[in-house]
N, C-alpha and C. Protein backbone atom coordinates (compact mmCIF):
# COMPACT_ATOMS: atom_id res chain seq x y z
N MET A 1 0.82 -1.20 0.00
CA MET A 1 0.00 0.00 0.00
C MET A 1 0.86 1.25 0.00
N LYS A 2 1.89 1.27 0.88
CA LYS A 2 2.76 2.44 0.96
C LYS A 2 3.54 2.62 -0.34
N LYS A 3 3.94 1.50 -0.94
CA LYS A 3 4.69 1.59 -2.20
C LYS A 3 3.80 2.16 -3.31
N THR A 4 2.55 1.79 -3.32
CA THR A 4 1.63 2.29 -4.33
C THR A 4 1.43 3.80 -4.16
N ILE A 5 1.26 4.25 -2.94
CA ILE A 5 1.08 5.68 -2.68
C ILE A 5 2.34 6.45 -3.06
N LEU A 6 3.50 5.92 -2.69
CA LEU A 6 4.77 6.57 -3.02
C LEU A 6 4.98 6.63 -4.52
N LEU A 7 4.69 5.54 -5.21
CA LEU A 7 4.83 5.50 -6.66
C LEU A 7 3.89 6.51 -7.33
N SER A 8 2.66 6.58 -6.85
CA SER A 8 1.70 7.54 -7.38
C SER A 8 2.17 8.97 -7.17
N PHE A 9 2.69 9.25 -5.98
CA PHE A 9 3.19 10.59 -5.67
C PHE A 9 4.35 10.96 -6.58
N LEU A 10 5.29 10.05 -6.78
CA LEU A 10 6.43 10.32 -7.64
C LEU A 10 6.00 10.53 -9.09
N LEU A 11 5.05 9.75 -9.54
CA LEU A 11 4.55 9.90 -10.90
C LEU A 11 3.89 11.25 -11.09
N LEU A 12 3.03 11.65 -10.15
CA LEU A 12 2.37 12.95 -10.24
C LEU A 12 3.37 14.09 -10.15
N SER A 13 4.38 13.96 -9.31
CA SER A 13 5.41 14.99 -9.18
C SER A 13 6.15 15.17 -10.50
N GLY A 14 6.44 14.07 -11.15
CA GLY A 14 7.12 14.13 -12.44
C GLY A 14 6.28 14.81 -13.50
N ILE A 15 5.00 14.53 -13.52
CA ILE A 15 4.10 15.15 -14.48
C ILE A 15 4.02 16.65 -14.25
N VAL A 16 3.89 17.07 -13.00
CA VAL A 16 3.81 18.49 -12.67
C VAL A 16 5.11 19.19 -13.07
N THR A 17 6.25 18.57 -12.81
CA THR A 17 7.53 19.17 -13.13
C THR A 17 7.68 19.38 -14.63
N PHE A 18 7.29 18.40 -15.43
CA PHE A 18 7.41 18.53 -16.87
C PHE A 18 6.35 19.47 -17.45
N GLY A 19 5.32 19.79 -16.71
CA GLY A 19 4.27 20.66 -17.18
C GLY A 19 4.60 22.14 -17.09
N GLN A 20 5.76 22.48 -16.51
CA GLN A 20 6.12 23.88 -16.37
C GLN A 20 6.93 24.34 -17.58
N ASN A 21 6.35 25.23 -18.36
CA ASN A 21 7.02 25.74 -19.54
C ASN A 21 8.00 26.84 -19.20
N THR A 22 9.00 27.00 -20.05
CA THR A 22 9.94 28.10 -19.92
C THR A 22 9.26 29.36 -20.44
N ILE A 23 9.37 30.45 -19.68
CA ILE A 23 8.84 31.74 -20.10
C ILE A 23 9.90 32.79 -19.84
N TRP A 24 9.63 34.02 -20.27
CA TRP A 24 10.53 35.14 -20.03
C TRP A 24 9.76 36.22 -19.30
N SER A 25 10.49 36.99 -18.52
CA SER A 25 9.85 37.97 -17.66
C SER A 25 10.74 39.20 -17.52
N HIS A 26 10.11 40.34 -17.27
CA HIS A 26 10.85 41.52 -16.85
C HIS A 26 10.01 42.28 -15.84
N ALA A 27 10.66 43.14 -15.08
CA ALA A 27 9.97 43.89 -14.04
C ALA A 27 10.04 45.38 -14.36
N ILE A 28 9.05 46.12 -13.83
CA ILE A 28 9.01 47.57 -13.94
C ILE A 28 8.91 48.12 -12.53
N GLY A 29 9.85 48.99 -12.17
CA GLY A 29 9.83 49.61 -10.85
C GLY A 29 9.50 51.08 -10.94
N ASN A 30 8.79 51.62 -9.95
CA ASN A 30 8.35 53.02 -9.92
C ASN A 30 7.49 53.37 -11.14
N TRP A 31 6.68 52.44 -11.58
CA TRP A 31 5.96 52.62 -12.83
C TRP A 31 4.77 53.57 -12.75
N ARG A 32 4.32 53.90 -11.57
CA ARG A 32 3.17 54.80 -11.48
C ARG A 32 3.56 56.27 -11.63
N ASN A 33 4.55 56.71 -10.84
CA ASN A 33 4.86 58.13 -10.83
C ASN A 33 6.34 58.46 -10.91
N GLY A 34 7.19 57.49 -11.07
CA GLY A 34 8.62 57.79 -11.17
C GLY A 34 9.24 58.17 -9.85
N PRO A 35 10.17 59.06 -9.77
CA PRO A 35 10.69 59.92 -10.84
C PRO A 35 11.50 59.18 -11.88
N VAL A 36 12.12 58.06 -11.51
CA VAL A 36 12.85 57.23 -12.47
C VAL A 36 12.13 55.90 -12.56
N VAL A 37 11.75 55.54 -13.77
CA VAL A 37 11.09 54.25 -14.00
C VAL A 37 12.19 53.25 -14.35
N TYR A 38 12.24 52.16 -13.60
CA TYR A 38 13.23 51.11 -13.85
C TYR A 38 12.58 49.96 -14.60
N ILE A 39 13.20 49.56 -15.70
CA ILE A 39 12.75 48.41 -16.47
C ILE A 39 13.92 47.44 -16.54
N THR A 40 13.70 46.21 -16.13
CA THR A 40 14.80 45.24 -16.16
C THR A 40 14.88 44.55 -17.51
N GLU A 41 16.01 43.96 -17.75
CA GLU A 41 16.16 43.08 -18.91
C GLU A 41 15.31 41.84 -18.70
N LEU A 42 15.12 41.09 -19.76
CA LEU A 42 14.39 39.83 -19.66
C LEU A 42 15.21 38.80 -18.91
N ILE A 43 14.51 38.02 -18.11
CA ILE A 43 15.14 36.86 -17.49
C ILE A 43 14.33 35.62 -17.88
N GLU A 44 15.00 34.50 -17.93
CA GLU A 44 14.33 33.24 -18.23
C GLU A 44 13.85 32.63 -16.92
N THR A 45 12.62 32.17 -16.92
CA THR A 45 12.03 31.57 -15.72
C THR A 45 11.05 30.50 -16.16
N THR A 46 10.25 29.99 -15.24
CA THR A 46 9.22 29.01 -15.59
C THR A 46 7.88 29.50 -15.07
N GLU A 47 6.83 28.84 -15.53
CA GLU A 47 5.48 29.19 -15.10
C GLU A 47 5.25 28.92 -13.63
N SER A 48 6.10 28.14 -13.00
CA SER A 48 5.88 27.78 -11.60
C SER A 48 6.21 28.91 -10.63
N PHE A 49 6.98 29.91 -11.06
CA PHE A 49 7.34 31.01 -10.16
C PHE A 49 6.16 31.97 -10.00
N THR A 50 5.87 32.32 -8.76
CA THR A 50 4.80 33.27 -8.47
C THR A 50 5.34 34.69 -8.59
N THR A 51 4.43 35.66 -8.62
CA THR A 51 4.84 37.07 -8.68
C THR A 51 5.70 37.46 -7.48
N PRO A 52 5.32 37.13 -6.24
CA PRO A 52 6.20 37.48 -5.11
C PRO A 52 7.60 36.84 -5.21
N GLN A 53 7.67 35.61 -5.72
CA GLN A 53 8.98 34.98 -5.89
C GLN A 53 9.82 35.71 -6.92
N LEU A 54 9.18 36.13 -8.02
CA LEU A 54 9.92 36.85 -9.06
C LEU A 54 10.35 38.23 -8.56
N ILE A 55 9.49 38.90 -7.80
CA ILE A 55 9.87 40.21 -7.25
C ILE A 55 11.07 40.06 -6.34
N GLU A 56 11.07 39.03 -5.52
CA GLU A 56 12.20 38.77 -4.63
C GLU A 56 13.48 38.54 -5.44
N ARG A 57 13.36 37.80 -6.52
CA ARG A 57 14.52 37.55 -7.39
C ARG A 57 15.01 38.84 -8.03
N TYR A 58 14.07 39.67 -8.53
CA TYR A 58 14.47 40.94 -9.14
C TYR A 58 15.17 41.84 -8.14
N LYS A 59 14.66 41.91 -6.93
CA LYS A 59 15.29 42.75 -5.91
C LYS A 59 16.68 42.24 -5.56
N ALA A 60 16.88 40.94 -5.61
CA ALA A 60 18.20 40.38 -5.31
C ALA A 60 19.18 40.58 -6.47
N ASP A 61 18.69 40.46 -7.70
CA ASP A 61 19.56 40.55 -8.88
C ASP A 61 19.84 41.97 -9.35
N PHE A 62 18.93 42.90 -9.08
CA PHE A 62 19.07 44.27 -9.54
C PHE A 62 19.08 45.22 -8.35
N PRO A 63 20.26 45.69 -7.94
CA PRO A 63 20.38 46.54 -6.75
C PRO A 63 19.51 47.81 -6.79
N ALA A 64 19.25 48.36 -7.98
CA ALA A 64 18.43 49.57 -8.08
C ALA A 64 16.99 49.33 -7.62
N LEU A 65 16.54 48.08 -7.64
CA LEU A 65 15.15 47.76 -7.25
C LEU A 65 15.02 47.41 -5.78
N LYS A 66 16.13 47.37 -5.08
CA LYS A 66 16.12 46.88 -3.69
C LYS A 66 15.12 47.62 -2.80
N ASP A 67 15.05 48.95 -2.90
CA ASP A 67 14.17 49.74 -2.05
C ASP A 67 12.89 50.20 -2.73
N VAL A 68 12.66 49.76 -3.97
CA VAL A 68 11.47 50.16 -4.71
C VAL A 68 10.29 49.31 -4.23
N THR A 69 9.18 49.96 -3.91
CA THR A 69 7.99 49.24 -3.44
C THR A 69 6.95 49.05 -4.53
N ASP A 70 7.01 49.84 -5.58
CA ASP A 70 6.02 49.80 -6.66
C ASP A 70 6.61 49.02 -7.83
N ILE A 71 6.51 47.68 -7.77
CA ILE A 71 7.10 46.82 -8.81
C ILE A 71 5.99 45.98 -9.43
N ASP A 72 6.04 45.88 -10.75
CA ASP A 72 5.12 45.00 -11.46
C ASP A 72 5.96 44.01 -12.27
N VAL A 73 5.48 42.80 -12.41
CA VAL A 73 6.18 41.75 -13.15
C VAL A 73 5.34 41.37 -14.36
N LEU A 74 5.97 41.34 -15.52
CA LEU A 74 5.30 40.92 -16.74
C LEU A 74 5.92 39.63 -17.23
N ARG A 75 5.11 38.76 -17.83
CA ARG A 75 5.58 37.46 -18.31
C ARG A 75 5.23 37.31 -19.79
N PHE A 76 6.13 36.61 -20.51
CA PHE A 76 5.96 36.47 -21.96
C PHE A 76 6.33 35.06 -22.41
N GLY A 77 5.70 34.64 -23.48
CA GLY A 77 5.98 33.31 -24.02
C GLY A 77 7.22 33.27 -24.88
N THR A 78 7.60 34.41 -25.47
CA THR A 78 8.80 34.46 -26.31
C THR A 78 9.65 35.67 -25.94
N THR A 79 10.91 35.62 -26.29
CA THR A 79 11.79 36.76 -26.03
C THR A 79 11.39 37.96 -26.88
N GLU A 80 10.89 37.71 -28.07
CA GLU A 80 10.48 38.81 -28.95
C GLU A 80 9.35 39.63 -28.31
N GLU A 81 8.38 38.94 -27.72
CA GLU A 81 7.28 39.65 -27.03
C GLU A 81 7.82 40.49 -25.89
N GLY A 82 8.75 39.93 -25.12
CA GLY A 82 9.33 40.64 -24.00
C GLY A 82 10.13 41.86 -24.43
N GLU A 83 10.94 41.71 -25.48
CA GLU A 83 11.72 42.84 -25.99
C GLU A 83 10.82 43.94 -26.53
N GLU A 84 9.74 43.56 -27.19
CA GLU A 84 8.78 44.55 -27.69
C GLU A 84 8.14 45.29 -26.53
N SER A 85 7.83 44.60 -25.46
CA SER A 85 7.25 45.22 -24.27
C SER A 85 8.21 46.26 -23.69
N ILE A 86 9.48 45.93 -23.61
CA ILE A 86 10.47 46.87 -23.07
C ILE A 86 10.53 48.11 -23.95
N ARG A 87 10.58 47.94 -25.27
CA ARG A 87 10.61 49.10 -26.18
C ARG A 87 9.36 49.96 -26.03
N THR A 88 8.20 49.32 -25.95
CA THR A 88 6.94 50.05 -25.83
C THR A 88 6.88 50.83 -24.52
N LEU A 89 7.30 50.19 -23.42
CA LEU A 89 7.26 50.87 -22.12
C LEU A 89 8.23 52.04 -22.07
N LYS A 90 9.42 51.88 -22.67
CA LYS A 90 10.37 53.00 -22.73
C LYS A 90 9.74 54.19 -23.43
N ALA A 91 9.07 53.95 -24.55
CA ALA A 91 8.44 55.03 -25.31
C ALA A 91 7.28 55.64 -24.52
N LYS A 92 6.48 54.80 -23.89
CA LYS A 92 5.31 55.27 -23.12
C LYS A 92 5.74 56.20 -21.99
N TYR A 93 6.73 55.78 -21.19
CA TYR A 93 7.16 56.60 -20.07
C TYR A 93 7.96 57.80 -20.54
N GLY A 94 8.63 57.70 -21.67
CA GLY A 94 9.31 58.85 -22.25
C GLY A 94 8.33 59.94 -22.65
N MET A 95 7.16 59.54 -23.17
CA MET A 95 6.13 60.52 -23.53
C MET A 95 5.58 61.22 -22.30
N ARG A 96 5.60 60.55 -21.16
CA ARG A 96 5.13 61.16 -19.90
C ARG A 96 6.22 61.99 -19.24
N LYS A 97 7.34 62.14 -19.94
CA LYS A 97 8.48 62.93 -19.45
C LYS A 97 9.11 62.35 -18.19
N LEU A 98 9.02 61.04 -18.03
CA LEU A 98 9.67 60.36 -16.91
C LEU A 98 10.99 59.76 -17.39
N GLU A 99 12.00 59.85 -16.55
CA GLU A 99 13.27 59.24 -16.89
C GLU A 99 13.12 57.72 -16.82
N VAL A 100 13.64 57.02 -17.82
CA VAL A 100 13.55 55.57 -17.87
C VAL A 100 14.96 55.00 -17.87
N GLU A 101 15.19 54.05 -16.98
CA GLU A 101 16.49 53.38 -16.93
C GLU A 101 16.26 51.89 -17.11
N VAL A 102 16.89 51.35 -18.17
CA VAL A 102 16.81 49.92 -18.41
C VAL A 102 17.97 49.27 -17.67
N LEU A 103 17.64 48.40 -16.74
CA LEU A 103 18.65 47.78 -15.88
C LEU A 103 19.18 46.50 -16.53
N MET A 104 20.49 46.45 -16.64
CA MET A 104 21.15 45.26 -17.18
C MET A 104 21.37 44.28 -16.04
N ILE A 105 21.43 43.00 -16.36
CA ILE A 105 21.72 41.98 -15.36
C ILE A 105 23.17 42.18 -14.91
N PRO A 106 23.39 42.42 -13.62
CA PRO A 106 24.75 42.74 -13.14
C PRO A 106 25.82 41.74 -13.54
N SER A 107 25.51 40.46 -13.58
CA SER A 107 26.51 39.46 -13.95
C SER A 107 26.97 39.62 -15.40
N LEU A 108 26.12 40.21 -16.25
CA LEU A 108 26.50 40.44 -17.64
C LEU A 108 27.39 41.67 -17.79
N LEU A 109 27.35 42.57 -16.81
CA LEU A 109 28.14 43.78 -16.87
C LEU A 109 29.58 43.55 -16.44
N GLU A 110 29.80 42.55 -15.60
CA GLU A 110 31.13 42.28 -15.07
C GLU A 110 31.98 41.58 -16.12
N PRO A 111 33.28 41.94 -16.21
CA PRO A 111 34.15 41.31 -17.23
C PRO A 111 34.44 39.86 -16.94
């Protein structure tokens, strides 16, 4: 009986794990009123990450977002959709005369 339950649990765990697709995401900080709107680069993630988990990751990976309380996370199925979102948001906040800073992933900036 215990072996059957354990086997069923392992089988279901495997199905759930394989059911998580790879997606791309970026965050926007200070997006309501600025004064500087922060937009991060795309990161690769999976559907299993929740918004609070992604916000925690963004705050850890991007020092400029550490003290920002107004953060939104966007998710995309392709990198092209994500890159288009970043371009659109830069233009949108530029029209509102807000300074926009696109944050690079710190590990990519280091030699």
